[in-house]
Amino acid sequence: MKSFRLVNPTTIDEAVALASDPNSGRVQYLAGGQDLLTEMKEHLAEPDRVVNLKSIPGLDVIDSSSGALGVGSLATLARIESDATIRAHWTALSEAAASVASTQIRSCGTLGGNLCQRPRCVYYRIEEARCLKKGGTECFSYGGFNKYNAILGGGPSWIVHPSDLAPALVALGAEIVLRSKTGSRRMPIERFYVLPADGDVTKETALLDGEIVIQILAPKPAPGSRSTYLKFKERESYDFALSAVAASVTLENGRVREARICLGGVAPVPWRVTRAEAVLVGRTLDAAAAREAAEAALHGAEPLSQNAYKIPLTKTLVERALLALVR
């Protein structure tokens, strides 16, 4: 690990000012540290200055007093998982938090860190492999080991987005609040993530240099709405999704009035499947509708040499998630 200077700001303004200070060198923000410290040990990140956001009060607040939900970026996954109000009204978010890694990591890992973590692709994580994500000229997974890589939205990089909370928040229609030296901005969280083909292939989000994730805002659930998050992984604990599904539906007179479905573990971004959502609207959510939606969700999938298993796996998860909402 390269030596660095640790700074403990007490305000957001101080933190963003540090990032724009020409004397700071390369700056990175520290939240829970579960991903950043690993990257630093492997020399994938070599900041001159690490800005510790945990020293700023108020970034860990969870508030639903207005009917909508606000969760600060420093709220731990353990708190999100155990919050009774989130579990009751924004269930997919609670279930997604509960699915992450181990009890110890959930007690340290934060909302903001989970949303902004870097890819888990084996070639990206190997220090010596200068892949496309690290400024090279080739995505080695395309013709190499790609069991865990993308089947949707891939190219020129075939990473998969590793966050569990992001698909849940997309399904819940959440927004993300960001702050930089020029002020605050907010956007739908599904616009926060950028496909490799649509921007700088070395980045996964719309974060500007020196910008901080402050909060997510999820709207008040409509009457008759319910949500869930379902994840498949190789190990029961401490593992990332081979595939995952976040689903939210609003039922009215026994029929689907609105649906939002987002896939995880299968694309470089949380992959919202509007085609599958359209299948459900106006219908009774039964086995036939769930099966048809599952087929639509994988429309256009293009597996690599070792990951075609993700297609039937994901279809099954979509069916199970949807049917769980009407049990």
Protein backbone atom coordinates (compact mmCIF):
# COMPACT_ATOMS: atom_id res chain seq x y z
CA MET A 1 0.00 0.00 0.00
CA LYS A 2 1.26 3.46 -0.91
CA SER A 3 1.58 5.87 2.01
CA PHE A 4 -1.11 8.53 2.27
CA ARG A 5 -2.36 11.31 4.51
CA LEU A 6 -5.66 10.77 6.36
CA VAL A 7 -7.83 13.86 6.81
CA ASN A 8 -10.89 14.10 9.07
CA PRO A 9 -13.16 16.94 7.93
CA THR A 10 -16.09 17.97 10.14
CA THR A 11 -18.32 19.42 7.40
CA ILE A 12 -19.31 18.49 3.84
CA ASP A 13 -18.00 21.84 2.61
CA GLU A 14 -14.60 21.07 4.09
CA ALA A 15 -14.57 17.61 2.49
CA VAL A 16 -15.36 18.85 -1.03
CA ALA A 17 -12.86 21.71 -0.65
CA LEU A 18 -10.12 19.21 0.17
CA ALA A 19 -10.85 17.33 -3.04
CA SER A 20 -10.39 20.48 -5.15
CA ASP A 21 -7.30 21.74 -3.33
CA PRO A 22 -4.37 21.57 -5.81
CA ASN A 23 -2.07 20.73 -2.90
CA SER A 24 -4.06 17.61 -2.02
CA GLY A 25 -2.80 15.47 -4.89
CA ARG A 26 -4.98 12.48 -5.65
CA VAL A 27 -7.92 12.40 -3.23
CA GLN A 28 -10.35 9.62 -2.42
CA TYR A 29 -13.23 9.56 0.03
CA LEU A 30 -13.44 6.93 2.74
CA ALA A 31 -16.85 5.69 3.92
CA GLY A 32 -16.93 2.19 5.42
CA GLY A 33 -13.64 1.35 3.71
CA GLN A 34 -14.58 -2.22 2.77
CA ASP A 35 -13.79 -1.68 -0.92
CA LEU A 36 -11.36 1.25 -0.92
CA LEU A 37 -8.89 -0.29 1.53
CA THR A 38 -8.84 -3.51 -0.51
CA GLU A 39 -8.11 -1.52 -3.66
CA MET A 40 -5.33 0.36 -1.91
CA LYS A 41 -3.71 -2.87 -0.70
CA GLU A 42 -3.73 -4.19 -4.27
CA HIS A 43 -2.44 -0.84 -5.67
CA LEU A 44 -5.62 -0.40 -7.71
CA ALA A 45 -6.12 2.92 -5.91
CA GLU A 46 -3.19 5.03 -4.74
CA PRO A 47 -4.51 8.28 -3.26
CA ASP A 48 -2.19 10.87 -1.76
CA ARG A 49 -4.91 11.96 0.62
CA VAL A 50 -7.83 9.96 2.04
CA VAL A 51 -10.75 12.06 3.26
CA ASN A 52 -12.62 10.28 6.04
CA LEU A 53 -16.33 11.04 5.69
CA LYS A 54 -17.15 9.30 8.97
CA SER A 55 -15.93 12.39 10.84
CA ILE A 56 -18.79 14.46 9.39
CA PRO A 57 -21.89 14.38 11.64
CA GLY A 58 -25.34 13.82 10.12
CA LEU A 59 -24.39 11.70 7.10
CA ASP A 60 -25.77 8.55 8.74
CA VAL A 61 -29.33 9.76 9.40
CA ILE A 62 -32.31 7.58 8.46
CA ASP A 63 -35.56 9.57 8.35
CA SER A 64 -39.06 8.59 7.23
CA SER A 65 -41.04 11.17 9.21
CA SER A 66 -42.38 12.85 6.05
CA GLY A 67 -43.70 9.58 4.62
CA ALA A 68 -40.84 9.36 2.13
CA LEU A 69 -37.53 7.77 3.08
CA GLY A 70 -34.20 9.52 3.36
CA VAL A 71 -31.08 7.50 4.13
CA GLY A 72 -27.73 9.19 4.61
CA SER A 73 -24.77 7.80 2.72
CA LEU A 74 -22.94 6.83 5.92
CA ALA A 75 -25.82 4.73 7.30
CA THR A 76 -24.50 1.21 7.72
CA LEU A 77 -26.00 -1.76 5.96
CA ALA A 78 -26.73 -3.31 9.35
CA ARG A 79 -28.90 -0.33 10.33
CA ILE A 80 -30.73 -0.39 7.00
CA GLU A 81 -31.30 -4.12 7.34
CA SER A 82 -32.70 -3.86 10.87
CA ASP A 83 -34.76 -0.67 10.56
CA ALA A 84 -38.38 -1.72 11.18
CA THR A 85 -39.88 1.05 9.04
CA ILE A 86 -37.67 0.25 6.05
CA ARG A 87 -38.46 -3.44 6.43
CA ALA A 88 -42.20 -2.74 6.47
CA HIS A 89 -42.50 -0.15 3.69
CA TRP A 90 -39.34 -0.37 1.56
CA THR A 91 -38.85 -4.09 1.97
CA ALA A 92 -36.59 -4.61 -1.05
CA LEU A 93 -34.02 -2.24 0.42
CA SER A 94 -33.98 -4.04 3.77
CA GLU A 95 -33.69 -7.44 2.08
CA ALA A 96 -30.91 -6.21 -0.21
CA ALA A 97 -28.92 -4.91 2.76
CA ALA A 98 -29.42 -8.20 4.61
CA SER A 99 -28.03 -10.12 1.63
CA VAL A 100 -24.64 -8.40 1.66
CA ALA A 101 -21.55 -10.31 2.79
CA SER A 102 -21.25 -11.05 6.51
CA THR A 103 -22.56 -9.57 9.75
CA GLN A 104 -19.19 -7.95 10.40
CA ILE A 105 -19.05 -6.28 6.98
CA ARG A 106 -22.65 -5.07 7.19
CA SER A 107 -21.77 -3.43 10.51
CA CYS A 108 -19.02 -1.42 8.80
CA GLY A 109 -20.17 -1.10 5.19
CA THR A 110 -22.24 1.93 4.28
CA LEU A 111 -24.99 2.80 1.84
CA GLY A 112 -22.74 5.17 -0.13
CA GLY A 113 -19.89 2.70 -0.24
CA ASN A 114 -22.14 -0.09 -1.44
CA LEU A 115 -23.55 2.08 -4.23
CA CYS A 116 -20.11 3.27 -5.39
CA GLN A 117 -18.02 0.10 -5.05
CA ARG A 118 -15.80 -0.88 -7.94
CA PRO A 119 -16.21 -4.01 -10.14
CA ARG A 120 -15.35 -7.46 -8.83
CA CYS A 121 -14.17 -8.82 -12.21
CA VAL A 122 -11.15 -11.03 -11.64
CA TYR A 123 -9.09 -9.20 -14.26
CA TYR A 124 -9.83 -5.80 -12.76
CA ARG A 125 -8.90 -7.06 -9.29
CA ILE A 126 -5.57 -8.58 -10.42
CA GLU A 127 -3.00 -5.82 -10.05
CA GLU A 128 -0.86 -7.07 -12.93
CA ALA A 129 -3.70 -7.30 -15.49
CA ARG A 130 -3.95 -3.97 -17.30
CA CYS A 131 -7.49 -4.44 -18.52
CA LEU A 132 -9.77 -1.92 -20.20
CA LYS A 133 -11.14 -0.72 -16.83
CA LYS A 134 -7.60 0.24 -15.78
CA GLY A 135 -6.66 2.09 -18.96
CA GLY A 136 -5.65 -0.90 -21.08
CA THR A 137 -6.88 -1.78 -24.54
CA GLU A 138 -8.74 -5.05 -23.94
CA CYS A 139 -11.47 -6.53 -21.75
CA PHE A 140 -9.81 -9.85 -20.98
CA SER A 141 -13.06 -11.43 -19.78
CA TYR A 142 -14.55 -11.33 -23.29
CA GLY A 143 -12.34 -14.18 -24.46
CA GLY A 144 -11.11 -15.40 -21.09
CA PHE A 145 -12.63 -16.35 -17.74
CA ASN A 146 -16.13 -14.87 -17.79
CA LYS A 147 -18.30 -17.07 -15.57
CA TYR A 148 -19.32 -14.04 -13.48
CA ASN A 149 -19.51 -11.39 -16.19
CA ALA A 150 -22.33 -9.59 -18.00
CA ILE A 151 -24.98 -11.10 -20.25
CA LEU A 152 -26.83 -7.80 -20.78
CA GLY A 153 -25.44 -4.39 -21.73
CA GLY A 154 -21.87 -5.62 -22.11
CA GLY A 155 -19.17 -4.09 -24.29
CA PRO A 156 -16.56 -2.87 -24.59
CA SER A 157 -16.27 -3.97 -20.93
CA TRP A 158 -18.25 -6.93 -19.57
CA ILE A 159 -18.15 -6.13 -15.85
CA VAL A 160 -21.24 -6.60 -13.70
CA HIS A 161 -22.32 -3.99 -11.20
CA PRO A 162 -21.66 -5.44 -7.71
CA SER A 163 -24.09 -3.45 -5.53
CA ASP A 164 -27.10 -5.17 -3.98
CA LEU A 165 -28.73 -1.97 -2.76
CA ALA A 166 -28.66 -0.24 -6.16
CA PRO A 167 -31.14 -2.60 -7.93
CA ALA A 168 -33.46 -2.38 -4.92
CA LEU A 169 -33.37 1.42 -5.01
CA VAL A 170 -34.03 1.45 -8.76
CA ALA A 171 -37.07 -0.78 -8.22
CA LEU A 172 -38.26 1.59 -5.47
CA GLY A 173 -37.94 4.64 -7.74
CA ALA A 174 -35.32 6.30 -5.53
CA GLU A 175 -33.23 9.37 -6.22
CA ILE A 176 -29.63 10.03 -5.21
CA VAL A 177 -28.35 13.34 -3.81
CA LEU A 178 -24.80 14.41 -4.66
CA ARG A 179 -22.66 17.30 -3.44
CA SER A 180 -19.59 19.01 -4.88
CA LYS A 181 -17.90 22.39 -4.51
CA THR A 182 -20.40 23.83 -7.02
CA GLY A 183 -23.45 22.74 -5.01
CA SER A 184 -25.92 19.87 -4.78
CA ARG A 185 -27.70 17.91 -7.46
CA ARG A 186 -30.09 14.97 -7.48
CA MET A 187 -31.10 12.44 -10.08
CA PRO A 188 -32.98 9.14 -10.40
CA ILE A 189 -30.57 6.52 -9.17
CA GLU A 190 -30.86 4.52 -12.39
CA ARG A 191 -29.26 7.50 -14.20
CA PHE A 192 -26.38 7.52 -11.71
CA TYR A 193 -24.86 4.42 -13.34
CA VAL A 194 -23.22 4.58 -16.77
CA LEU A 195 -22.76 1.77 -19.28
CA PRO A 196 -19.18 1.23 -20.51
CA ALA A 197 -20.31 2.04 -24.05
CA ASP A 198 -21.87 5.36 -23.02
CA GLY A 199 -19.04 7.15 -21.24
CA ASP A 200 -15.57 6.81 -19.78
CA VAL A 201 -15.02 3.04 -19.66
CA THR A 202 -12.84 3.42 -16.56
CA LYS A 203 -15.80 4.77 -14.55
CA GLU A 204 -19.11 3.21 -13.52
CA THR A 205 -21.04 6.22 -12.21
CA ALA A 206 -21.89 9.82 -13.03
CA LEU A 207 -19.90 11.07 -10.03
CA LEU A 208 -17.82 14.12 -10.87
CA ASP A 209 -14.32 14.57 -9.48
CA GLY A 210 -14.59 15.56 -5.82
CA GLU A 211 -18.31 14.80 -5.62
CA ILE A 212 -19.82 13.00 -2.63
CA VAL A 213 -22.93 10.85 -2.32
CA ILE A 214 -24.96 12.53 0.43
CA GLN A 215 -28.27 10.69 0.60
CA ILE A 216 -30.84 8.57 -1.18
CA LEU A 217 -34.51 9.53 -1.26
CA ALA A 218 -37.19 6.89 -1.84
CA PRO A 219 -40.79 8.02 -2.39
CA LYS A 220 -43.61 7.12 -0.06
CA PRO A 221 -45.03 3.76 -1.19
CA ALA A 222 -48.40 3.97 -2.90
CA PRO A 223 -51.33 2.09 -1.36
CA GLY A 224 -51.20 -1.54 -2.46
CA SER A 225 -47.49 -1.51 -3.19
CA ARG A 226 -45.02 -4.14 -2.08
CA SER A 227 -41.43 -5.00 -2.95
CA THR A 228 -38.79 -7.69 -2.57
CA TYR A 229 -35.17 -8.51 -3.39
CA LEU A 230 -34.03 -11.98 -4.32
CA LYS A 231 -30.39 -12.94 -4.83
CA PHE A 232 -28.58 -16.09 -5.90
CA LYS A 233 -24.97 -16.59 -4.85
CA GLU A 234 -22.54 -19.50 -4.75
CA ARG A 235 -22.11 -19.32 -0.99
CA GLU A 236 -24.73 -18.59 1.65
CA SER A 237 -22.68 -15.75 3.10
CA TYR A 238 -19.91 -13.36 2.12
CA ASP A 239 -20.56 -13.52 -1.59
CA PHE A 240 -21.67 -11.39 -4.50
CA ALA A 241 -24.69 -12.10 -6.68
CA LEU A 242 -24.48 -14.41 -9.64
CA SER A 243 -27.88 -12.92 -10.39
CA ALA A 244 -30.40 -10.88 -8.43
CA VAL A 245 -33.86 -9.38 -8.88
CA ALA A 246 -35.49 -6.40 -7.20
CA ALA A 247 -39.21 -6.09 -7.87
CA SER A 248 -41.85 -3.61 -6.79
CA VAL A 249 -45.51 -3.74 -7.78
CA THR A 250 -48.60 -1.74 -6.93
CA LEU A 251 -51.79 -3.78 -6.96
CA GLU A 252 -55.26 -2.32 -7.44
CA ASN A 253 -58.39 -4.48 -7.42
CA GLY A 254 -56.20 -7.56 -7.75
CA ARG A 255 -54.36 -6.33 -10.83
CA VAL A 256 -50.97 -4.74 -11.36
CA ARG A 257 -51.27 -0.98 -11.73
CA GLU A 258 -47.52 -0.32 -11.75
CA ALA A 259 -44.40 -2.49 -11.79
CA ARG A 260 -40.68 -1.84 -11.55
CA ILE A 261 -38.16 -4.66 -11.98
CA CYS A 262 -34.38 -4.33 -11.85
CA LEU A 263 -31.77 -7.06 -12.30
CA GLY A 264 -28.45 -7.27 -10.51
CA GLY A 265 -25.32 -9.32 -11.22
CA VAL A 266 -26.00 -9.58 -14.95
CA ALA A 267 -25.06 -6.19 -16.44
CA PRO A 268 -22.53 -3.38 -15.99
CA VAL A 269 -25.29 -1.28 -14.37
CA PRO A 270 -28.41 -2.14 -12.37
CA TRP A 271 -30.50 -3.37 -15.29
CA ARG A 272 -34.10 -2.16 -15.30
CA VAL A 273 -36.32 -4.33 -17.51
CA THR A 274 -39.17 -2.15 -18.72
CA ARG A 275 -40.27 -4.78 -21.23
CA ALA A 276 -41.01 -7.16 -18.36
CA GLU A 277 -42.78 -4.41 -16.42
CA ALA A 278 -45.09 -3.74 -19.36
CA VAL A 279 -46.05 -7.42 -19.46
CA LEU A 280 -47.48 -7.18 -15.96
CA VAL A 281 -49.46 -3.93 -16.06
CA GLY A 282 -53.21 -4.51 -16.04
CA ARG A 283 -52.91 -8.23 -15.31
CA THR A 284 -53.41 -10.47 -12.33
CA LEU A 285 -50.00 -11.37 -10.96
CA ASP A 286 -50.21 -15.13 -11.33
CA ALA A 287 -47.79 -17.84 -12.44
CA ALA A 288 -48.47 -17.26 -16.13
CA ALA A 289 -47.86 -13.51 -15.89
CA ALA A 290 -44.70 -14.03 -13.86
CA ARG A 291 -43.38 -16.55 -16.39
CA GLU A 292 -44.07 -14.22 -19.31
CA ALA A 293 -42.42 -11.31 -17.50
CA ALA A 294 -39.37 -13.47 -16.78
CA GLU A 295 -39.00 -14.28 -20.47
CA ALA A 296 -39.28 -10.60 -21.35
CA ALA A 297 -36.71 -9.64 -18.70
CA LEU A 298 -33.97 -11.58 -20.47
CA HIS A 299 -34.81 -10.29 -23.95
CA GLY A 300 -31.60 -9.45 -25.76
CA ALA A 301 -29.31 -11.36 -23.42
CA GLU A 302 -25.96 -12.23 -25.03
CA PRO A 303 -24.01 -14.64 -22.83
CA LEU A 304 -20.28 -15.11 -23.08
CA SER A 305 -18.60 -18.50 -23.33
CA GLN A 306 -18.99 -19.46 -19.65
CA ASN A 307 -22.06 -17.62 -18.32
CA ALA A 308 -25.10 -18.77 -20.32
CA TYR A 309 -26.35 -20.33 -17.06
CA LYS A 310 -27.32 -16.82 -15.96
CA ILE A 311 -30.24 -16.74 -18.40
CA PRO A 312 -32.36 -19.59 -16.91
CA LEU A 313 -31.15 -18.66 -13.42
CA THR A 314 -32.34 -15.08 -13.76
CA LYS A 315 -35.65 -16.08 -15.33
CA THR A 316 -36.32 -18.32 -12.34
CA LEU A 317 -35.43 -15.54 -9.90
CA VAL A 318 -37.77 -13.10 -11.66
CA GLU A 319 -40.64 -15.59 -11.43
CA ARG A 320 -40.00 -16.34 -7.77
CA ALA A 321 -39.64 -12.68 -6.82
CA LEU A 322 -42.89 -11.69 -8.54
CA LEU A 323 -44.88 -14.55 -7.08
CA ALA A 324 -43.51 -13.78 -3.61
CA LEU A 325 -45.23 -10.41 -3.85
CA VAL A 326 -48.72 -11.97 -3.97
CA ARG A 327 -48.32 -14.71 -1.37
